[in-house]
Amino acid sequence: MALTEHKTETESIQVNGGGRRPRILLAASGSVAAIKFGNLCHCFSEWAEVRAVATKASLCFIDRASIPKDVLLYTDEDEWSSWSKIGDTVLHIELRRWADLMVIAPLSANTLGKIAGGLCDNLLTCIVRAWDYSKPIFVAPAMNTFMWNNPFTERHLVSIDELGISLIPPATKRLACGDYGNGAMAEPSLIYSTVRLFLESRTQQGDASVS
């Protein structure tokens, strides 16, 4: 899947009218909460231009039929099939250029650790490693309570906070594994409203120019 559309420095994001629609890159990693990824895509696609990225593990939970028809879903296979020679576009770079903002939901413990450690072994983590941090990234973690409370998680959250990545905290509820506790991904509607409020607030401050 080719991605050829680029932004220009004079474009401005449309939030409440004028300009163009925001370009939101949604990404899912390998958590059972990825069953809600289609819902998340629907929430954003009614307001923004959306592209989606899914890790190999997340595809165990994502129902591709639930993804809106106007949302392109990119996987690791697309990263490699789109490049054959020097001069061809590189998908993770093209997606980073295209997006105004990235949302990783769900963010698994594994992908959190990779991002905190600077690893980039799939399409999602390559995008994050190549990200322009003048543009926002939001993450919505999803994992078992004991994984969330593990000391490594706190260290990893500190590391991504230092990068400027914004956290949408998990919720406390009965988890898919049967345990009760903190670690459930925030609901898609809350993720959507958090991101939209952020962009609307930034627009009101006169800082919505696309770089």
C-alpha atoms as a PDB file:
ATOM      1  CA  MET A   1       0.000   0.000   0.000  1.00  0.00           C
ATOM      2  CA  ALA A   2       1.539   3.263  -1.109  1.00  0.00           C
ATOM      3  CA  LEU A   3       1.216   6.478   0.841  1.00  0.00           C
ATOM      4  CA  THR A   4       1.950   9.445  -1.373  1.00  0.00           C
ATOM      5  CA  GLU A   5       0.041  12.339   0.185  1.00  0.00           C
ATOM      6  CA  HIS A   6       2.246  14.877   1.981  1.00  0.00           C
ATOM      7  CA  LYS A   7       1.554  17.914   4.128  1.00  0.00           C
ATOM      8  CA  THR A   8       2.772  21.392   3.328  1.00  0.00           C
ATOM      9  CA  GLU A   9       3.963  23.995   5.778  1.00  0.00           C
ATOM     10  CA  THR A  10       1.009  26.265   4.967  1.00  0.00           C
ATOM     11  CA  GLU A  11      -1.681  23.714   5.778  1.00  0.00           C
ATOM     12  CA  SER A  12      -3.613  24.131   9.013  1.00  0.00           C
ATOM     13  CA  ILE A  13      -5.625  21.548  10.869  1.00  0.00           C
ATOM     14  CA  GLN A  14      -9.400  21.796  10.856  1.00  0.00           C
ATOM     15  CA  VAL A  15     -10.814  21.187  14.305  1.00  0.00           C
ATOM     16  CA  ASN A  16     -13.955  23.285  14.433  1.00  0.00           C
ATOM     17  CA  GLY A  17     -14.005  24.491  10.826  1.00  0.00           C
ATOM     18  CA  GLY A  18     -11.658  25.801   8.128  1.00  0.00           C
ATOM     19  CA  GLY A  19      -8.440  24.212   6.924  1.00  0.00           C
ATOM     20  CA  ARG A  20      -8.274  20.444   6.601  1.00  0.00           C
ATOM     21  CA  ARG A  21      -9.229  17.561   8.849  1.00  0.00           C
ATOM     22  CA  PRO A  22      -6.640  16.325  11.364  1.00  0.00           C
ATOM     23  CA  ARG A  23      -4.559  13.334  10.250  1.00  0.00           C
ATOM     24  CA  ILE A  24      -4.557  10.747  12.996  1.00  0.00           C
ATOM     25  CA  LEU A  25      -2.389   7.633  12.938  1.00  0.00           C
ATOM     26  CA  LEU A  26      -3.922   4.930  15.133  1.00  0.00           C
ATOM     27  CA  ALA A  27      -1.824   1.928  16.142  1.00  0.00           C
ATOM     28  CA  ALA A  28      -2.583  -1.295  17.987  1.00  0.00           C
ATOM     29  CA  SER A  29      -0.161  -3.643  19.722  1.00  0.00           C
ATOM     30  CA  GLY A  30      -0.680  -7.151  21.056  1.00  0.00           C
ATOM     31  CA  SER A  31      -3.230  -6.920  23.839  1.00  0.00           C
ATOM     32  CA  VAL A  32      -6.688  -8.453  24.014  1.00  0.00           C
ATOM     33  CA  ALA A  33      -7.954  -4.857  24.189  1.00  0.00           C
ATOM     34  CA  ALA A  34      -7.208  -4.696  20.455  1.00  0.00           C
ATOM     35  CA  ILE A  35     -10.685  -6.188  19.990  1.00  0.00           C
ATOM     36  CA  LYS A  36     -11.836  -2.565  20.476  1.00  0.00           C
ATOM     37  CA  PHE A  37      -9.559  -1.195  17.746  1.00  0.00           C
ATOM     38  CA  GLY A  38     -12.316  -1.139  15.135  1.00  0.00           C
ATOM     39  CA  ASN A  39     -14.461   0.919  17.495  1.00  0.00           C
ATOM     40  CA  LEU A  40     -11.555   3.290  18.073  1.00  0.00           C
ATOM     41  CA  CYS A  41     -11.097   3.742  14.330  1.00  0.00           C
ATOM     42  CA  HIS A  42     -14.800   4.526  13.916  1.00  0.00           C
ATOM     43  CA  CYS A  43     -14.651   7.147  16.684  1.00  0.00           C
ATOM     44  CA  PHE A  44     -11.815   9.016  14.994  1.00  0.00           C
ATOM     45  CA  SER A  45     -12.826   8.543  11.353  1.00  0.00           C
ATOM     46  CA  GLU A  46     -16.002  10.552  11.853  1.00  0.00           C
ATOM     47  CA  TRP A  47     -13.855  13.572  12.707  1.00  0.00           C
ATOM     48  CA  ALA A  48     -10.408  13.061  11.191  1.00  0.00           C
ATOM     49  CA  GLU A  49      -8.507  11.408   8.374  1.00  0.00           C
ATOM     50  CA  VAL A  50      -7.332   8.112   9.816  1.00  0.00           C
ATOM     51  CA  ARG A  51      -4.650   5.590   8.942  1.00  0.00           C
ATOM     52  CA  ALA A  52      -4.120   2.490  11.084  1.00  0.00           C
ATOM     53  CA  VAL A  53      -1.140   0.305  11.989  1.00  0.00           C
ATOM     54  CA  ALA A  54      -1.362  -3.144  13.575  1.00  0.00           C
ATOM     55  CA  THR A  55       1.402  -5.348  14.936  1.00  0.00           C
ATOM     56  CA  LYS A  56       1.427  -9.052  14.127  1.00  0.00           C
ATOM     57  CA  ALA A  57       0.273  -9.930  17.653  1.00  0.00           C
ATOM     58  CA  SER A  58      -2.581  -7.410  17.602  1.00  0.00           C
ATOM     59  CA  LEU A  59      -4.023  -9.075  14.495  1.00  0.00           C
ATOM     60  CA  CYS A  60      -4.928 -12.051  16.708  1.00  0.00           C
ATOM     61  CA  PHE A  61      -7.589  -9.804  18.261  1.00  0.00           C
ATOM     62  CA  ILE A  62      -8.559  -7.316  15.533  1.00  0.00           C
ATOM     63  CA  ASP A  63     -11.557  -8.076  13.358  1.00  0.00           C
ATOM     64  CA  ARG A  64     -10.481  -6.514  10.063  1.00  0.00           C
ATOM     65  CA  ALA A  65     -14.143  -6.292   9.003  1.00  0.00           C
ATOM     66  CA  SER A  66     -14.696  -3.881  11.908  1.00  0.00           C
ATOM     67  CA  ILE A  67     -12.250  -1.324  10.474  1.00  0.00           C
ATOM     68  CA  PRO A  68     -14.036   1.486   8.569  1.00  0.00           C
ATOM     69  CA  LYS A  69     -13.768   1.046   4.803  1.00  0.00           C
ATOM     70  CA  ASP A  70     -12.051   4.422   4.380  1.00  0.00           C
ATOM     71  CA  VAL A  71      -9.303   3.561   6.890  1.00  0.00           C
ATOM     72  CA  LEU A  72      -6.205   1.869   5.464  1.00  0.00           C
ATOM     73  CA  LEU A  73      -4.719  -0.747   7.793  1.00  0.00           C
ATOM     74  CA  TYR A  74      -0.948  -1.211   7.533  1.00  0.00           C
ATOM     75  CA  THR A  75       0.972  -4.225   8.852  1.00  0.00           C
ATOM     76  CA  ASP A  76       4.602  -5.311   9.003  1.00  0.00           C
ATOM     77  CA  GLU A  77       4.197  -7.007   5.618  1.00  0.00           C
ATOM     78  CA  ASP A  78       3.344  -3.647   4.027  1.00  0.00           C
ATOM     79  CA  GLU A  79       6.571  -2.156   5.390  1.00  0.00           C
ATOM     80  CA  TRP A  80       8.658  -4.637   3.398  1.00  0.00           C
ATOM     81  CA  SER A  81       6.466  -5.153   0.324  1.00  0.00           C
ATOM     82  CA  SER A  82       6.392  -1.406  -0.424  1.00  0.00           C
ATOM     83  CA  TRP A  83      10.191  -1.190  -0.789  1.00  0.00           C
ATOM     84  CA  SER A  84      12.382  -2.924  -3.368  1.00  0.00           C
ATOM     85  CA  LYS A  85      15.180  -0.503  -4.289  1.00  0.00           C
ATOM     86  CA  ILE A  86      16.968   2.679  -3.262  1.00  0.00           C
ATOM     87  CA  GLY A  87      14.677   5.605  -3.967  1.00  0.00           C
ATOM     88  CA  ASP A  88      11.461   3.786  -3.072  1.00  0.00           C
ATOM     89  CA  THR A  89       9.402   5.252  -0.257  1.00  0.00           C
ATOM     90  CA  VAL A  90       9.864   3.850   3.251  1.00  0.00           C
ATOM     91  CA  LEU A  91       6.482   3.215   4.839  1.00  0.00           C
ATOM     92  CA  HIS A  92       7.304   4.089   8.452  1.00  0.00           C
ATOM     93  CA  ILE A  93       8.805   7.399   7.296  1.00  0.00           C
ATOM     94  CA  GLU A  94       5.833   8.166   5.039  1.00  0.00           C
ATOM     95  CA  LEU A  95       3.349   7.495   7.831  1.00  0.00           C
ATOM     96  CA  ARG A  96       5.321   9.682  10.231  1.00  0.00           C
ATOM     97  CA  ARG A  97       5.318  12.501   7.666  1.00  0.00           C
ATOM     98  CA  TRP A  98       1.610  12.109   6.981  1.00  0.00           C
ATOM     99  CA  ALA A  99       0.355  12.133  10.558  1.00  0.00           C
ATOM    100  CA  ASP A 100      -0.349  15.135  12.737  1.00  0.00           C
ATOM    101  CA  LEU A 101      -0.711  12.939  15.799  1.00  0.00           C
ATOM    102  CA  MET A 102      -0.282   9.280  16.739  1.00  0.00           C
ATOM    103  CA  VAL A 103      -2.342   7.224  19.168  1.00  0.00           C
ATOM    104  CA  ILE A 104      -1.182   3.763  20.303  1.00  0.00           C
ATOM    105  CA  ALA A 105      -4.168   1.942  21.772  1.00  0.00           C
ATOM    106  CA  PRO A 106      -3.796  -0.594  23.116  1.00  0.00           C
ATOM    107  CA  LEU A 107      -0.186  -0.241  24.204  1.00  0.00           C
ATOM    108  CA  SER A 108       0.962  -3.645  25.457  1.00  0.00           C
ATOM    109  CA  ALA A 109       3.614  -4.152  28.129  1.00  0.00           C
ATOM    110  CA  ASN A 110       5.906  -5.567  25.435  1.00  0.00           C
ATOM    111  CA  THR A 111       5.562  -2.599  23.082  1.00  0.00           C
ATOM    112  CA  LEU A 112       5.915  -0.172  26.005  1.00  0.00           C
ATOM    113  CA  GLY A 113       9.224  -1.840  26.858  1.00  0.00           C
ATOM    114  CA  LYS A 114      10.388  -1.673  23.250  1.00  0.00           C
ATOM    115  CA  ILE A 115       9.599   2.035  22.920  1.00  0.00           C
ATOM    116  CA  ALA A 116      11.233   2.844  26.269  1.00  0.00           C
ATOM    117  CA  GLY A 117      14.345   0.958  25.173  1.00  0.00           C
ATOM    118  CA  GLY A 118      14.476   2.480  21.698  1.00  0.00           C
ATOM    119  CA  LEU A 119      13.854  -0.828  19.929  1.00  0.00           C
ATOM    120  CA  CYS A 120      12.313  -0.769  16.469  1.00  0.00           C
ATOM    121  CA  ASP A 121      11.647  -4.269  15.142  1.00  0.00           C
ATOM    122  CA  ASN A 122       8.240  -3.761  13.511  1.00  0.00           C
ATOM    123  CA  LEU A 123       6.304  -1.082  11.657  1.00  0.00           C
ATOM    124  CA  LEU A 124       4.783   0.453  14.787  1.00  0.00           C
ATOM    125  CA  THR A 125       8.025   0.784  16.719  1.00  0.00           C
ATOM    126  CA  CYS A 126       9.898   2.026  13.635  1.00  0.00           C
ATOM    127  CA  ILE A 127       7.367   4.850  13.336  1.00  0.00           C
ATOM    128  CA  VAL A 128       7.872   5.776  16.989  1.00  0.00           C
ATOM    129  CA  ARG A 129      11.669   5.629  16.690  1.00  0.00           C
ATOM    130  CA  ALA A 130      11.528   7.898  13.607  1.00  0.00           C
ATOM    131  CA  TRP A 131       8.862  10.194  15.099  1.00  0.00           C
ATOM    132  CA  ASP A 132       9.103  13.991  15.002  1.00  0.00           C
ATOM    133  CA  TYR A 133       8.433  14.819  18.652  1.00  0.00           C
ATOM    134  CA  SER A 134       7.174  18.291  17.807  1.00  0.00           C
ATOM    135  CA  LYS A 135       4.018  16.280  17.025  1.00  0.00           C
ATOM    136  CA  PRO A 136       2.070  14.551  19.821  1.00  0.00           C
ATOM    137  CA  ILE A 137       1.868  10.856  20.622  1.00  0.00           C
ATOM    138  CA  PHE A 138      -0.752   9.467  22.997  1.00  0.00           C
ATOM    139  CA  VAL A 139      -0.658   5.955  24.439  1.00  0.00           C
ATOM    140  CA  ALA A 140      -3.383   3.945  26.167  1.00  0.00           C
ATOM    141  CA  PRO A 141      -1.806   0.977  27.973  1.00  0.00           C
ATOM    142  CA  ALA A 142      -3.579  -2.352  28.434  1.00  0.00           C
ATOM    143  CA  MET A 143      -2.133  -5.208  30.471  1.00  0.00           C
ATOM    144  CA  ASN A 144      -2.683  -7.437  33.480  1.00  0.00           C
ATOM    145  CA  THR A 145      -2.662  -5.666  36.858  1.00  0.00           C
ATOM    146  CA  PHE A 146       0.547  -7.358  37.988  1.00  0.00           C
ATOM    147  CA  MET A 147       2.207  -6.353  34.718  1.00  0.00           C
ATOM    148  CA  TRP A 148       1.014  -2.759  35.244  1.00  0.00           C
ATOM    149  CA  ASN A 149       2.355  -2.774  38.815  1.00  0.00           C
ATOM    150  CA  ASN A 150       5.676  -4.334  37.812  1.00  0.00           C
ATOM    151  CA  PRO A 151       8.650  -2.016  38.588  1.00  0.00           C
ATOM    152  CA  PHE A 152       9.735  -2.166  34.944  1.00  0.00           C
ATOM    153  CA  THR A 153       6.458  -0.529  33.912  1.00  0.00           C
ATOM    154  CA  GLU A 154       7.091   2.532  36.067  1.00  0.00           C
ATOM    155  CA  ARG A 155      10.604   2.867  34.637  1.00  0.00           C
ATOM    156  CA  HIS A 156       9.306   2.533  31.097  1.00  0.00           C
ATOM    157  CA  LEU A 157       6.565   5.112  31.690  1.00  0.00           C
ATOM    158  CA  VAL A 158       9.163   7.569  32.963  1.00  0.00           C
ATOM    159  CA  SER A 159      11.249   6.970  29.841  1.00  0.00           C
ATOM    160  CA  ILE A 160       8.408   7.610  27.410  1.00  0.00           C
ATOM    161  CA  ASP A 161       7.281  10.648  29.407  1.00  0.00           C
ATOM    162  CA  GLU A 162      10.763  12.094  28.893  1.00  0.00           C
ATOM    163  CA  LEU A 163      10.214  11.669  25.149  1.00  0.00           C
ATOM    164  CA  GLY A 164       7.050  13.761  25.416  1.00  0.00           C
ATOM    165  CA  ILE A 165       4.602  10.875  24.966  1.00  0.00           C
ATOM    166  CA  SER A 166       1.265  11.492  26.710  1.00  0.00           C
ATOM    167  CA  LEU A 167      -0.363   8.782  28.826  1.00  0.00           C
ATOM    168  CA  ILE A 168      -4.076   7.985  28.835  1.00  0.00           C
ATOM    169  CA  PRO A 169      -4.165   5.884  32.024  1.00  0.00           C
ATOM    170  CA  PRO A 170      -5.744   2.436  32.205  1.00  0.00           C
ATOM    171  CA  ALA A 171      -8.915   1.729  34.176  1.00  0.00           C
ATOM    172  CA  THR A 172      -9.663  -0.547  37.101  1.00  0.00           C
ATOM    173  CA  LYS A 173     -12.155  -3.296  36.278  1.00  0.00           C
ATOM    174  CA  ARG A 174     -12.537  -7.024  35.718  1.00  0.00           C
ATOM    175  CA  LEU A 175      -9.881  -7.875  33.131  1.00  0.00           C
ATOM    176  CA  ALA A 176     -10.165 -10.346  30.257  1.00  0.00           C
ATOM    177  CA  CYS A 177      -7.964 -12.817  32.163  1.00  0.00           C
ATOM    178  CA  GLY A 178     -10.428 -12.826  35.062  1.00  0.00           C
ATOM    179  CA  ASP A 179      -8.327 -10.772  37.483  1.00  0.00           C
ATOM    180  CA  TYR A 180      -9.770  -7.577  38.953  1.00  0.00           C
ATOM    181  CA  GLY A 181      -7.558  -4.504  39.068  1.00  0.00           C
ATOM    182  CA  ASN A 182      -5.922  -1.677  37.174  1.00  0.00           C
ATOM    183  CA  GLY A 183      -4.732  -2.308  33.621  1.00  0.00           C
ATOM    184  CA  ALA A 184      -7.787  -2.160  31.354  1.00  0.00           C
ATOM    185  CA  MET A 185      -7.419   0.105  28.331  1.00  0.00           C
ATOM    186  CA  ALA A 186      -9.383   3.348  28.526  1.00  0.00           C
ATOM    187  CA  GLU A 187     -12.595   3.183  26.527  1.00  0.00           C
ATOM    188  CA  PRO A 188     -12.310   4.269  22.850  1.00  0.00           C
ATOM    189  CA  SER A 189     -14.721   7.152  23.486  1.00  0.00           C
ATOM    190  CA  LEU A 190     -12.460   8.499  26.257  1.00  0.00           C
ATOM    191  CA  ILE A 191      -9.345   8.138  24.103  1.00  0.00           C
ATOM    192  CA  TYR A 192     -11.088  10.000  21.284  1.00  0.00           C
ATOM    193  CA  SER A 193     -12.387  12.802  23.504  1.00  0.00           C
ATOM    194  CA  THR A 194      -8.977  13.244  25.167  1.00  0.00           C
ATOM    195  CA  VAL A 195      -7.202  13.621  21.827  1.00  0.00           C
ATOM    196  CA  ARG A 196      -9.855  15.861  20.325  1.00  0.00           C
ATOM    197  CA  LEU A 197      -9.889  18.141  23.371  1.00  0.00           C
ATOM    198  CA  PHE A 198      -6.095  18.368  23.160  1.00  0.00           C
ATOM    199  CA  LEU A 199      -6.180  19.449  19.510  1.00  0.00           C
ATOM    200  CA  GLU A 200      -9.038  21.877  20.081  1.00  0.00           C
ATOM    201  CA  SER A 201      -7.183  23.460  23.002  1.00  0.00           C
ATOM    202  CA  ARG A 202      -4.008  23.742  20.960  1.00  0.00           C
ATOM    203  CA  THR A 203      -5.915  25.308  18.077  1.00  0.00           C
ATOM    204  CA  GLN A 204      -7.415  27.901  20.400  1.00  0.00           C
ATOM    205  CA  GLN A 205      -3.879  28.765  21.485  1.00  0.00           C
ATOM    206  CA  GLY A 206      -2.950  29.388  17.857  1.00  0.00           C
ATOM    207  CA  ASP A 207      -0.538  26.447  17.711  1.00  0.00           C
ATOM    208  CA  ALA A 208      -2.237  24.200  15.164  1.00  0.00           C
ATOM    209  CA  SER A 209       0.057  24.874  12.214  1.00  0.00           C
ATOM    210  CA  VAL A 210       1.345  21.686  10.590  1.00  0.00           C
ATOM    211  CA  SER A 211       5.124  21.459  10.545  1.00  0.00           C
END
